[in-house]
Amino acid sequence: MKTRRHIDLPVRRPRTGSGPLWRRLADALAWEIEIGRLRDGSRVPSTRTLARELAVSRTTVACAYDELTSRGYLHARVGDGAYVARPDERATSAPLGRVRVTGCTPDATTLVLIR
């Protein structure tokens, strides 16, 4: 019989906020990476393990990991798992989730965005 191993992960299930749960989870994980609680090069738990610990769907965690990979916070190694990327490997542009739409041009063809 397998014993259940507890993960010491500083992230908890996001309970408040707007938007889908996977995006709130991705933002929470990105914050933990930014402030250094999840260290560069460290392995993140598998999607199954984290989903079980946070009591969410595995798809929710997989979507969050995919988002973090696209933002440059994680990199996946096939058959080995996902790891926190070093700062020099991270994307330099801000994700749209962190940008506010402030208006559009008079001809309504261009959105005006600020950070």
PDB file of N, CA and C in Angstrom:
ATOM      1  N   MET A   1       0.834  -1.178   0.000  1.00  0.00           N
ATOM      2  CA  MET A   1       0.000   0.000   0.000  1.00  0.00           C
ATOM      3  C   MET A   1       0.881   1.246   0.000  1.00  0.00           C
ATOM      4  N   LYS A   2       0.541   2.185  -0.891  1.00  0.00           N
ATOM      5  CA  LYS A   2       1.308   3.424  -0.977  1.00  0.00           C
ATOM      6  C   LYS A   2       0.903   4.371   0.131  1.00  0.00           C
ATOM      7  N   THR A   3       1.887   5.060   0.649  1.00  0.00           N
ATOM      8  CA  THR A   3       1.582   6.105   1.629  1.00  0.00           C
ATOM      9  C   THR A   3       1.519   7.424   0.893  1.00  0.00           C
ATOM     10  N   ARG A   4       0.618   8.251   1.282  1.00  0.00           N
ATOM     11  CA  ARG A   4       0.449   9.542   0.641  1.00  0.00           C
ATOM     12  C   ARG A   4       1.499  10.508   1.156  1.00  0.00           C
ATOM     13  N   ARG A   5       2.236  11.084   0.237  1.00  0.00           N
ATOM     14  CA  ARG A   5       3.294  12.019   0.590  1.00  0.00           C
ATOM     15  C   ARG A   5       2.770  13.440   0.490  1.00  0.00           C
ATOM     16  N   HIS A   6       2.992  14.221   1.524  1.00  0.00           N
ATOM     17  CA  HIS A   6       2.552  15.615   1.529  1.00  0.00           C
ATOM     18  C   HIS A   6       3.599  16.473   0.820  1.00  0.00           C
ATOM     19  N   ILE A   7       3.137  17.411   0.032  1.00  0.00           N
ATOM     20  CA  ILE A   7       4.025  18.319  -0.676  1.00  0.00           C
ATOM     21  C   ILE A   7       4.164  19.590   0.140  1.00  0.00           C
ATOM     22  N   ASP A   8       5.370  20.051   0.298  1.00  0.00           N
ATOM     23  CA  ASP A   8       5.588  21.323   0.966  1.00  0.00           C
ATOM     24  C   ASP A   8       5.669  22.401  -0.101  1.00  0.00           C
ATOM     25  N   LEU A   9       4.513  22.787  -0.601  1.00  0.00           N
ATOM     26  CA  LEU A   9       4.431  23.783  -1.652  1.00  0.00           C
ATOM     27  C   LEU A   9       3.792  25.025  -1.067  1.00  0.00           C
ATOM     28  N   PRO A  10       4.397  26.190  -1.257  1.00  0.00           N
ATOM     29  CA  PRO A  10       3.867  27.394  -0.634  1.00  0.00           C
ATOM     30  C   PRO A  10       2.559  27.889  -1.238  1.00  0.00           C
ATOM     31  N   VAL A  11       2.093  27.282  -2.305  1.00  0.00           N
ATOM     32  CA  VAL A  11       0.882  27.752  -2.971  1.00  0.00           C
ATOM     33  C   VAL A  11      -0.332  27.007  -2.438  1.00  0.00           C
ATOM     34  N   ARG A  12      -1.371  27.742  -2.201  1.00  0.00           N
ATOM     35  CA  ARG A  12      -2.644  27.163  -1.794  1.00  0.00           C
ATOM     36  C   ARG A  12      -3.662  27.438  -2.885  1.00  0.00           C
ATOM     37  N   ARG A  13      -4.751  26.718  -2.857  1.00  0.00           N
ATOM     38  CA  ARG A  13      -5.787  26.891  -3.863  1.00  0.00           C
ATOM     39  C   ARG A  13      -6.338  28.316  -3.795  1.00  0.00           C
ATOM     40  N   PRO A  14      -6.295  29.048  -4.922  1.00  0.00           N
ATOM     41  CA  PRO A  14      -6.841  30.400  -4.925  1.00  0.00           C
ATOM     42  C   PRO A  14      -8.355  30.361  -4.694  1.00  0.00           C
ATOM     43  N   ARG A  15      -8.829  31.083  -3.719  1.00  0.00           N
ATOM     44  CA  ARG A  15     -10.256  31.049  -3.389  1.00  0.00           C
ATOM     45  C   ARG A  15     -11.005  32.278  -3.886  1.00  0.00           C
ATOM     46  N   THR A  16     -10.311  33.366  -4.082  1.00  0.00           N
ATOM     47  CA  THR A  16     -10.977  34.588  -4.506  1.00  0.00           C
ATOM     48  C   THR A  16     -10.374  35.088  -5.799  1.00  0.00           C
ATOM     49  N   GLY A  17     -11.027  36.028  -6.377  1.00  0.00           N
ATOM     50  CA  GLY A  17     -10.537  36.625  -7.605  1.00  0.00           C
ATOM     51  C   GLY A  17     -11.468  36.336  -8.754  1.00  0.00           C
ATOM     52  N   SER A  18     -11.184  36.962  -9.860  1.00  0.00           N
ATOM     53  CA  SER A  18     -12.014  36.741 -11.030  1.00  0.00           C
ATOM     54  C   SER A  18     -11.241  35.922 -12.043  1.00  0.00           C
ATOM     55  N   GLY A  19     -11.950  35.332 -12.937  1.00  0.00           N
ATOM     56  CA  GLY A  19     -11.334  34.529 -13.969  1.00  0.00           C
ATOM     57  C   GLY A  19     -11.317  33.062 -13.604  1.00  0.00           C
ATOM     58  N   PRO A  20     -10.921  32.240 -14.550  1.00  0.00           N
ATOM     59  CA  PRO A  20     -10.917  30.794 -14.314  1.00  0.00           C
ATOM     60  C   PRO A  20      -9.905  30.383 -13.248  1.00  0.00           C
ATOM     61  N   LEU A  21     -10.185  29.289 -12.590  1.00  0.00           N
ATOM     62  CA  LEU A  21      -9.324  28.805 -11.512  1.00  0.00           C
ATOM     63  C   LEU A  21      -7.913  28.516 -12.007  1.00  0.00           C
ATOM     64  N   TRP A  22      -7.775  27.954 -13.212  1.00  0.00           N
ATOM     65  CA  TRP A  22      -6.436  27.626 -13.716  1.00  0.00           C
ATOM     66  C   TRP A  22      -5.589  28.885 -13.867  1.00  0.00           C
ATOM     67  N   ARG A  23      -6.223  29.992 -14.264  1.00  0.00           N
ATOM     68  CA  ARG A  23      -5.456  31.240 -14.426  1.00  0.00           C
ATOM     69  C   ARG A  23      -5.063  31.800 -13.069  1.00  0.00           C
ATOM     70  N   ARG A  24      -5.967  31.723 -12.085  1.00  0.00           N
ATOM     71  CA  ARG A  24      -5.638  32.198 -10.742  1.00  0.00           C
ATOM     72  C   ARG A  24      -4.530  31.347 -10.140  1.00  0.00           C
ATOM     73  N   LEU A  25      -4.555  30.035 -10.404  1.00  0.00           N
ATOM     74  CA  LEU A  25      -3.494  29.151  -9.922  1.00  0.00           C
ATOM     75  C   LEU A  25      -2.173  29.491 -10.607  1.00  0.00           C
ATOM     76  N   ALA A  26      -2.206  29.732 -11.903  1.00  0.00           N
ATOM     77  CA  ALA A  26      -0.990  30.110 -12.630  1.00  0.00           C
ATOM     78  C   ALA A  26      -0.418  31.416 -12.087  1.00  0.00           C
ATOM     79  N   ASP A  27      -1.293  32.390 -11.818  1.00  0.00           N
ATOM     80  CA  ASP A  27      -0.830  33.664 -11.260  1.00  0.00           C
ATOM     81  C   ASP A  27      -0.226  33.471  -9.870  1.00  0.00           C
ATOM     82  N   ALA A  28      -0.840  32.597  -9.067  1.00  0.00           N
ATOM     83  CA  ALA A  28      -0.306  32.336  -7.721  1.00  0.00           C
ATOM     84  C   ALA A  28       1.062  31.671  -7.806  1.00  0.00           C
ATOM     85  N   LEU A  29       1.208  30.704  -8.699  1.00  0.00           N
ATOM     86  CA  LEU A  29       2.506  30.037  -8.867  1.00  0.00           C
ATOM     87  C   LEU A  29       3.548  31.010  -9.414  1.00  0.00           C
ATOM     88  N   ALA A  30       3.150  31.851 -10.365  1.00  0.00           N
ATOM     89  CA  ALA A  30       4.084  32.841 -10.917  1.00  0.00           C
ATOM     90  C   ALA A  30       4.560  33.793  -9.820  1.00  0.00           C
ATOM     91  N   TRP A  31       3.651  34.186  -8.936  1.00  0.00           N
ATOM     92  CA  TRP A  31       4.022  35.065  -7.828  1.00  0.00           C
ATOM     93  C   TRP A  31       5.034  34.374  -6.918  1.00  0.00           C
ATOM     94  N   GLU A  32       4.804  33.103  -6.608  1.00  0.00           N
ATOM     95  CA  GLU A  32       5.732  32.360  -5.750  1.00  0.00           C
ATOM     96  C   GLU A  32       7.107  32.246  -6.406  1.00  0.00           C
ATOM     97  N   ILE A  33       7.138  32.135  -7.721  1.00  0.00           N
ATOM     98  CA  ILE A  33       8.416  32.093  -8.438  1.00  0.00           C
ATOM     99  C   ILE A  33       9.086  33.460  -8.388  1.00  0.00           C
ATOM    100  N   GLU A  34       8.311  34.514  -8.633  1.00  0.00           N
ATOM    101  CA  GLU A  34       8.860  35.877  -8.642  1.00  0.00           C
ATOM    102  C   GLU A  34       9.483  36.259  -7.302  1.00  0.00           C
ATOM    103  N   ILE A  35       8.835  35.882  -6.208  1.00  0.00           N
ATOM    104  CA  ILE A  35       9.363  36.284  -4.897  1.00  0.00           C
ATOM    105  C   ILE A  35      10.397  35.302  -4.353  1.00  0.00           C
ATOM    106  N   GLY A  36      10.633  34.207  -5.078  1.00  0.00           N
ATOM    107  CA  GLY A  36      11.702  33.296  -4.711  1.00  0.00           C
ATOM    108  C   GLY A  36      11.329  32.121  -3.833  1.00  0.00           C
ATOM    109  N   ARG A  37      10.055  31.928  -3.550  1.00  0.00           N
ATOM    110  CA  ARG A  37       9.664  30.758  -2.751  1.00  0.00           C
ATOM    111  C   ARG A  37       9.791  29.471  -3.544  1.00  0.00           C
ATOM    112  N   LEU A  38       9.547  29.551  -4.841  1.00  0.00           N
ATOM    113  CA  LEU A  38       9.845  28.430  -5.735  1.00  0.00           C
ATOM    114  C   LEU A  38      11.129  28.793  -6.452  1.00  0.00           C
ATOM    115  N   ARG A  39      12.182  28.097  -6.138  1.00  0.00           N
ATOM    116  CA  ARG A  39      13.522  28.467  -6.607  1.00  0.00           C
ATOM    117  C   ARG A  39      13.779  28.027  -8.047  1.00  0.00           C
ATOM    118  N   ASP A  40      14.629  28.789  -8.699  1.00  0.00           N
ATOM    119  CA  ASP A  40      15.026  28.477 -10.063  1.00  0.00           C
ATOM    120  C   ASP A  40      15.620  27.076 -10.133  1.00  0.00           C
ATOM    121  N   GLY A  41      15.188  26.311 -11.105  1.00  0.00           N
ATOM    122  CA  GLY A  41      15.703  24.962 -11.303  1.00  0.00           C
ATOM    123  C   GLY A  41      15.010  23.894 -10.480  1.00  0.00           C
ATOM    124  N   SER A  42      14.138  24.299  -9.551  1.00  0.00           N
ATOM    125  CA  SER A  42      13.463  23.296  -8.725  1.00  0.00           C
ATOM    126  C   SER A  42      12.325  22.643  -9.513  1.00  0.00           C
ATOM    127  N   ARG A  43      12.081  21.400  -9.197  1.00  0.00           N
ATOM    128  CA  ARG A  43      11.034  20.647  -9.880  1.00  0.00           C
ATOM    129  C   ARG A  43       9.697  20.932  -9.217  1.00  0.00           C
ATOM    130  N   VAL A  44       8.681  21.174 -10.031  1.00  0.00           N
ATOM    131  CA  VAL A  44       7.339  21.376  -9.495  1.00  0.00           C
ATOM    132  C   VAL A  44       6.638  20.022  -9.453  1.00  0.00           C
ATOM    133  N   PRO A  45       5.656  19.863  -8.590  1.00  0.00           N
ATOM    134  CA  PRO A  45       4.965  18.580  -8.487  1.00  0.00           C
ATOM    135  C   PRO A  45       4.267  18.217  -9.794  1.00  0.00           C
ATOM    136  N   SER A  46       4.032  16.937  -9.973  1.00  0.00           N
ATOM    137  CA  SER A  46       3.295  16.496 -11.155  1.00  0.00           C
ATOM    138  C   SER A  46       1.881  17.059 -11.105  1.00  0.00           C
ATOM    139  N   THR A  47       1.211  17.072 -12.241  1.00  0.00           N
ATOM    140  CA  THR A  47      -0.149  17.600 -12.282  1.00  0.00           C
ATOM    141  C   THR A  47      -1.077  16.778 -11.391  1.00  0.00           C
ATOM    142  N   ARG A  48      -0.892  15.482 -11.371  1.00  0.00           N
ATOM    143  CA  ARG A  48      -1.738  14.634 -10.525  1.00  0.00           C
ATOM    144  C   ARG A  48      -1.520  14.918  -9.046  1.00  0.00           C
ATOM    145  N   THR A  49      -0.280  15.032  -8.664  1.00  0.00           N
ATOM    146  CA  THR A  49       0.040  15.263  -7.257  1.00  0.00           C
ATOM    147  C   THR A  49      -0.487  16.611  -6.789  1.00  0.00           C
ATOM    148  N   LEU A  50      -0.236  17.662  -7.567  1.00  0.00           N
ATOM    149  CA  LEU A  50      -0.692  18.989  -7.169  1.00  0.00           C
ATOM    150  C   LEU A  50      -2.219  19.068  -7.176  1.00  0.00           C
ATOM    151  N   ALA A  51      -2.852  18.448  -8.157  1.00  0.00           N
ATOM    152  CA  ALA A  51      -4.317  18.447  -8.198  1.00  0.00           C
ATOM    153  C   ALA A  51      -4.897  17.777  -6.961  1.00  0.00           C
ATOM    154  N   ARG A  52      -4.308  16.690  -6.545  1.00  0.00           N
ATOM    155  CA  ARG A  52      -4.773  15.992  -5.347  1.00  0.00           C
ATOM    156  C   ARG A  52      -4.561  16.852  -4.108  1.00  0.00           C
ATOM    157  N   GLU A  53      -3.407  17.500  -3.998  1.00  0.00           N
ATOM    158  CA  GLU A  53      -3.109  18.331  -2.825  1.00  0.00           C
ATOM    159  C   GLU A  53      -4.014  19.551  -2.726  1.00  0.00           C
ATOM    160  N   LEU A  54      -4.355  20.149  -3.879  1.00  0.00           N
ATOM    161  CA  LEU A  54      -5.173  21.358  -3.877  1.00  0.00           C
ATOM    162  C   LEU A  54      -6.663  21.060  -4.022  1.00  0.00           C
ATOM    163  N   ALA A  55      -7.002  19.792  -4.218  1.00  0.00           N
ATOM    164  CA  ALA A  55      -8.394  19.373  -4.408  1.00  0.00           C
ATOM    165  C   ALA A  55      -9.032  20.069  -5.611  1.00  0.00           C
ATOM    166  N   VAL A  56      -8.292  20.046  -6.721  1.00  0.00           N
ATOM    167  CA  VAL A  56      -8.803  20.588  -7.977  1.00  0.00           C
ATOM    168  C   VAL A  56      -8.631  19.523  -9.054  1.00  0.00           C
ATOM    169  N   SER A  57      -9.176  19.782 -10.199  1.00  0.00           N
ATOM    170  CA  SER A  57      -9.055  18.870 -11.328  1.00  0.00           C
ATOM    171  C   SER A  57      -7.617  18.857 -11.860  1.00  0.00           C
ATOM    172  N   ARG A  58      -7.202  17.721 -12.372  1.00  0.00           N
ATOM    173  CA  ARG A  58      -5.868  17.630 -12.984  1.00  0.00           C
ATOM    174  C   ARG A  58      -5.783  18.544 -14.198  1.00  0.00           C
ATOM    175  N   THR A  59      -6.891  18.695 -14.913  1.00  0.00           N
ATOM    176  CA  THR A  59      -6.927  19.586 -16.066  1.00  0.00           C
ATOM    177  C   THR A  59      -6.654  21.029 -15.648  1.00  0.00           C
ATOM    178  N   THR A  60      -7.159  21.436 -14.493  1.00  0.00           N
ATOM    179  CA  THR A  60      -6.919  22.784 -13.975  1.00  0.00           C
ATOM    180  C   THR A  60      -5.429  23.019 -13.782  1.00  0.00           C
ATOM    181  N   VAL A  61      -4.757  22.052 -13.168  1.00  0.00           N
ATOM    182  CA  VAL A  61      -3.316  22.179 -12.927  1.00  0.00           C
ATOM    183  C   VAL A  61      -2.553  22.137 -14.246  1.00  0.00           C
ATOM    184  N   ALA A  62      -2.954  21.256 -15.162  1.00  0.00           N
ATOM    185  CA  ALA A  62      -2.280  21.159 -16.459  1.00  0.00           C
ATOM    186  C   ALA A  62      -2.401  22.476 -17.230  1.00  0.00           C
ATOM    187  N   CYS A  63      -3.575  23.091 -17.181  1.00  0.00           N
ATOM    188  CA  CYS A  63      -3.759  24.387 -17.851  1.00  0.00           C
ATOM    189  C   CYS A  63      -2.888  25.465 -17.208  1.00  0.00           C
ATOM    190  N   ALA A  64      -2.798  25.448 -15.881  1.00  0.00           N
ATOM    191  CA  ALA A  64      -1.943  26.417 -15.183  1.00  0.00           C
ATOM    192  C   ALA A  64      -0.484  26.216 -15.567  1.00  0.00           C
ATOM    193  N   TYR A  65      -0.032  24.967 -15.604  1.00  0.00           N
ATOM    194  CA  TYR A  65       1.351  24.679 -16.003  1.00  0.00           C
ATOM    195  C   TYR A  65       1.602  25.096 -17.453  1.00  0.00           C
ATOM    196  N   ASP A  66       0.634  24.856 -18.339  1.00  0.00           N
ATOM    197  CA  ASP A  66       0.790  25.270 -19.732  1.00  0.00           C
ATOM    198  C   ASP A  66       0.921  26.792 -19.830  1.00  0.00           C
ATOM    199  N   GLU A  67       0.111  27.496 -19.054  1.00  0.00           N
ATOM    200  CA  GLU A  67       0.182  28.961 -19.029  1.00  0.00           C
ATOM    201  C   GLU A  67       1.550  29.431 -18.543  1.00  0.00           C
ATOM    202  N   LEU A  68       2.042  28.806 -17.479  1.00  0.00           N
ATOM    203  CA  LEU A  68       3.352  29.186 -16.937  1.00  0.00           C
ATOM    204  C   LEU A  68       4.474  28.852 -17.915  1.00  0.00           C
ATOM    205  N   THR A  69       4.325  27.778 -18.645  1.00  0.00           N
ATOM    206  CA  THR A  69       5.322  27.425 -19.662  1.00  0.00           C
ATOM    207  C   THR A  69       5.316  28.470 -20.776  1.00  0.00           C
ATOM    208  N   SER A  70       4.119  28.885 -21.195  1.00  0.00           N
ATOM    209  CA  SER A  70       4.040  29.884 -22.266  1.00  0.00           C
ATOM    210  C   SER A  70       4.569  31.243 -21.808  1.00  0.00           C
ATOM    211  N   ARG A  71       4.442  31.541 -20.519  1.00  0.00           N
ATOM    212  CA  ARG A  71       4.984  32.792 -19.968  1.00  0.00           C
ATOM    213  C   ARG A  71       6.488  32.702 -19.725  1.00  0.00           C
ATOM    214  N   GLY A  72       7.037  31.493 -19.746  1.00  0.00           N
ATOM    215  CA  GLY A  72       8.468  31.316 -19.537  1.00  0.00           C
ATOM    216  C   GLY A  72       8.859  31.016 -18.107  1.00  0.00           C
ATOM    217  N   TYR A  73       7.894  30.815 -17.212  1.00  0.00           N
ATOM    218  CA  TYR A  73       8.202  30.518 -15.816  1.00  0.00           C
ATOM    219  C   TYR A  73       8.606  29.056 -15.605  1.00  0.00           C
ATOM    220  N   LEU A  74       8.096  28.161 -16.425  1.00  0.00           N
ATOM    221  CA  LEU A  74       8.420  26.732 -16.310  1.00  0.00           C
ATOM    222  C   LEU A  74       8.968  26.242 -17.627  1.00  0.00           C
ATOM    223  N   HIS A  75       9.754  25.180 -17.555  1.00  0.00           N
ATOM    224  CA  HIS A  75      10.120  24.462 -18.765  1.00  0.00           C
ATOM    225  C   HIS A  75       9.972  22.981 -18.464  1.00  0.00           C
ATOM    226  N   ALA A  76       9.425  22.275 -19.435  1.00  0.00           N
ATOM    227  CA  ALA A  76       9.141  20.852 -19.247  1.00  0.00           C
ATOM    228  C   ALA A  76      10.216  20.014 -19.909  1.00  0.00           C
ATOM    229  N   ARG A  77      10.543  18.926 -19.256  1.00  0.00           N
ATOM    230  CA  ARG A  77      11.454  17.939 -19.830  1.00  0.00           C
ATOM    231  C   ARG A  77      10.633  16.679 -20.047  1.00  0.00           C
ATOM    232  N   VAL A  78      10.550  16.239 -21.272  1.00  0.00           N
ATOM    233  CA  VAL A  78       9.723  15.081 -21.605  1.00  0.00           C
ATOM    234  C   VAL A  78      10.153  13.883 -20.773  1.00  0.00           C
ATOM    235  N   GLY A  79       9.193  13.309 -20.065  1.00  0.00           N
ATOM    236  CA  GLY A  79       9.455  12.142 -19.235  1.00  0.00           C
ATOM    237  C   GLY A  79      10.120  12.446 -17.908  1.00  0.00           C
ATOM    238  N   ASP A  80      10.399  13.726 -17.645  1.00  0.00           N
ATOM    239  CA  ASP A  80      11.107  14.078 -16.412  1.00  0.00           C
ATOM    240  C   ASP A  80      10.349  15.059 -15.539  1.00  0.00           C
ATOM    241  N   GLY A  81       9.397  15.786 -16.079  1.00  0.00           N
ATOM    242  CA  GLY A  81       8.626  16.729 -15.285  1.00  0.00           C
ATOM    243  C   GLY A  81       8.848  18.164 -15.700  1.00  0.00           C
ATOM    244  N   ALA A  82       8.345  19.067 -14.875  1.00  0.00           N
ATOM    245  CA  ALA A  82       8.453  20.501 -15.140  1.00  0.00           C
ATOM    246  C   ALA A  82       9.325  21.145 -14.071  1.00  0.00           C
ATOM    247  N   TYR A  83      10.094  22.125 -14.495  1.00  0.00           N
ATOM    248  CA  TYR A  83      11.042  22.801 -13.618  1.00  0.00           C
ATOM    249  C   TYR A  83      10.875  24.308 -13.727  1.00  0.00           C
ATOM    250  N   VAL A  84      11.200  25.012 -12.652  1.00  0.00           N
ATOM    251  CA  VAL A  84      11.154  26.469 -12.644  1.00  0.00           C
ATOM    252  C   VAL A  84      12.314  26.978 -13.497  1.00  0.00           C
ATOM    253  N   ALA A  85      11.990  27.848 -14.432  1.00  0.00           N
ATOM    254  CA  ALA A  85      13.004  28.390 -15.332  1.00  0.00           C
ATOM    255  C   ALA A  85      13.824  29.468 -14.630  1.00  0.00           C
ATOM    256  N   ARG A  86      15.053  29.624 -15.056  1.00  0.00           N
ATOM    257  CA  ARG A  86      15.892  30.697 -14.539  1.00  0.00           C
ATOM    258  C   ARG A  86      15.389  32.032 -15.095  1.00  0.00           C
ATOM    259  N   PRO A  87      15.667  33.134 -14.405  1.00  0.00           N
ATOM    260  CA  PRO A  87      15.170  34.432 -14.871  1.00  0.00           C
ATOM    261  C   PRO A  87      15.585  34.763 -16.302  1.00  0.00           C
ATOM    262  N   ASP A  88      16.777  34.383 -16.703  1.00  0.00           N
ATOM    263  CA  ASP A  88      17.218  34.691 -18.065  1.00  0.00           C
ATOM    264  C   ASP A  88      16.502  33.844 -19.112  1.00  0.00           C
ATOM    265  N   GLU A  89      15.805  32.779 -18.701  1.00  0.00           N
ATOM    266  CA  GLU A  89      15.043  31.948 -19.629  1.00  0.00           C
ATOM    267  C   GLU A  89      13.594  32.404 -19.746  1.00  0.00           C
ATOM    268  N   ARG A  90      13.165  33.282 -18.857  1.00  0.00           N
ATOM    269  CA  ARG A  90      11.765  33.695 -18.817  1.00  0.00           C
ATOM    270  C   ARG A  90      11.434  34.672 -19.928  1.00  0.00           C
ATOM    271  N   ALA A  91      10.180  34.684 -20.296  1.00  0.00           N
ATOM    272  CA  ALA A  91       9.703  35.614 -21.321  1.00  0.00           C
ATOM    273  C   ALA A  91       9.874  37.043 -20.826  1.00  0.00           C
ATOM    274  N   THR A  92      10.231  37.928 -21.730  1.00  0.00           N
ATOM    275  CA  THR A  92      10.456  39.311 -21.329  1.00  0.00           C
ATOM    276  C   THR A  92       9.205  40.159 -21.438  1.00  0.00           C
ATOM    277  N   SER A  93       8.230  39.720 -22.203  1.00  0.00           N
ATOM    278  CA  SER A  93       7.016  40.525 -22.334  1.00  0.00           C
ATOM    279  C   SER A  93       6.015  40.156 -21.256  1.00  0.00           C
ATOM    280  N   ALA A  94       5.231  41.139 -20.851  1.00  0.00           N
ATOM    281  CA  ALA A  94       4.216  40.909 -19.819  1.00  0.00           C
ATOM    282  C   ALA A  94       3.055  40.129 -20.413  1.00  0.00           C
ATOM    283  N   PRO A  95       2.515  39.169 -19.690  1.00  0.00           N
ATOM    284  CA  PRO A  95       1.351  38.449 -20.187  1.00  0.00           C
ATOM    285  C   PRO A  95       0.134  39.366 -20.213  1.00  0.00           C
ATOM    286  N   LEU A  96      -0.807  39.104 -21.087  1.00  0.00           N
ATOM    287  CA  LEU A  96      -1.988  39.953 -21.191  1.00  0.00           C
ATOM    288  C   LEU A  96      -2.801  39.958 -19.908  1.00  0.00           C
ATOM    289  N   GLY A  97      -2.692  38.918 -19.095  1.00  0.00           N
ATOM    290  CA  GLY A  97      -3.427  38.881 -17.845  1.00  0.00           C
ATOM    291  C   GLY A  97      -2.999  39.979 -16.886  1.00  0.00           C
ATOM    292  N   ARG A  98      -1.842  40.557 -17.087  1.00  0.00           N
ATOM    293  CA  ARG A  98      -1.341  41.595 -16.200  1.00  0.00           C
ATOM    294  C   ARG A  98      -1.462  42.993 -16.829  1.00  0.00           C
ATOM    295  N   VAL A  99      -2.188  43.100 -17.926  1.00  0.00           N
ATOM    296  CA  VAL A  99      -2.329  44.358 -18.636  1.00  0.00           C
ATOM    297  C   VAL A  99      -3.791  44.784 -18.568  1.00  0.00           C
ATOM    298  N   ARG A 100      -4.023  46.071 -18.340  1.00  0.00           N
ATOM    299  CA  ARG A 100      -5.387  46.590 -18.312  1.00  0.00           C
ATOM    300  C   ARG A 100      -5.709  47.265 -19.630  1.00  0.00           C
ATOM    301  N   VAL A 101      -6.910  47.065 -20.098  1.00  0.00           N
ATOM    302  CA  VAL A 101      -7.376  47.782 -21.277  1.00  0.00           C
ATOM    303  C   VAL A 101      -7.923  49.110 -20.784  1.00  0.00           C
ATOM    304  N   THR A 102      -7.378  50.199 -21.323  1.00  0.00           N
ATOM    305  CA  THR A 102      -7.803  51.523 -20.859  1.00  0.00           C
ATOM    306  C   THR A 102      -8.695  52.221 -21.866  1.00  0.00           C
ATOM    307  N   GLY A 103      -8.792  51.712 -23.056  1.00  0.00           N
ATOM    308  CA  GLY A 103      -9.638  52.337 -24.063  1.00  0.00           C
ATOM    309  C   GLY A 103      -9.231  51.870 -25.443  1.00  0.00           C
ATOM    310  N   CYS A 104      -9.751  52.520 -26.428  1.00  0.00           N
ATOM    311  CA  CYS A 104      -9.344  52.183 -27.790  1.00  0.00           C
ATOM    312  C   CYS A 104      -9.200  53.470 -28.588  1.00  0.00           C
ATOM    313  N   THR A 105      -8.574  53.350 -29.736  1.00  0.00           N
ATOM    314  CA  THR A 105      -8.365  54.515 -30.582  1.00  0.00           C
ATOM    315  C   THR A 105      -9.712  54.982 -31.135  1.00  0.00           C
ATOM    316  N   PRO A 106      -9.797  56.230 -31.590  1.00  0.00           N
ATOM    317  CA  PRO A 106     -11.076  56.742 -32.091  1.00  0.00           C
ATOM    318  C   PRO A 106     -11.688  55.908 -33.215  1.00  0.00           C
ATOM    319  N   ASP A 107     -10.844  55.311 -34.045  1.00  0.00           N
ATOM    320  CA  ASP A 107     -11.405  54.486 -35.128  1.00  0.00           C
ATOM    321  C   ASP A 107     -11.722  53.068 -34.660  1.00  0.00           C
ATOM    322  N   ALA A 108     -11.511  52.776 -33.369  1.00  0.00           N
ATOM    323  CA  ALA A 108     -11.836  51.481 -32.729  1.00  0.00           C
ATOM    324  C   ALA A 108     -11.083  50.305 -33.340  1.00  0.00           C
ATOM    325  N   THR A 109      -9.889  50.571 -33.863  1.00  0.00           N
ATOM    326  CA  THR A 109      -9.108  49.464 -34.434  1.00  0.00           C
ATOM    327  C   THR A 109      -8.004  48.993 -33.518  1.00  0.00           C
ATOM    328  N   THR A 110      -7.623  49.799 -32.538  1.00  0.00           N
ATOM    329  CA  THR A 110      -6.500  49.463 -31.672  1.00  0.00           C
ATOM    330  C   THR A 110      -6.874  49.645 -30.214  1.00  0.00           C
ATOM    331  N   LEU A 111      -6.581  48.638 -29.396  1.00  0.00           N
ATOM    332  CA  LEU A 111      -6.784  48.776 -27.960  1.00  0.00           C
ATOM    333  C   LEU A 111      -5.603  49.498 -27.340  1.00  0.00           C
ATOM    334  N   VAL A 112      -5.861  50.290 -26.346  1.00  0.00           N
ATOM    335  CA  VAL A 112      -4.802  50.985 -25.605  1.00  0.00           C
ATOM    336  C   VAL A 112      -4.589  50.210 -24.325  1.00  0.00           C
ATOM    337  N   LEU A 113      -3.391  49.717 -24.135  1.00  0.00           N
ATOM    338  CA  LEU A 113      -3.066  48.876 -22.973  1.00  0.00           C
ATOM    339  C   LEU A 113      -1.999  49.547 -22.127  1.00  0.00           C
ATOM    340  N   ILE A 114      -2.127  49.390 -20.808  1.00  0.00           N
ATOM    341  CA  ILE A 114      -1.077  49.848 -19.912  1.00  0.00           C
ATOM    342  C   ILE A 114      -0.753  48.741 -18.942  1.00  0.00           C
ATOM    343  N   ARG A 115       0.424  48.765 -18.392  1.00  0.00           N
ATOM    344  CA  ARG A 115       0.820  47.774 -17.388  1.00  0.00           C
ATOM    345  C   ARG A 115       0.395  48.212 -16.029  1.00  0.00           C
TER     346      ARG A 115
END
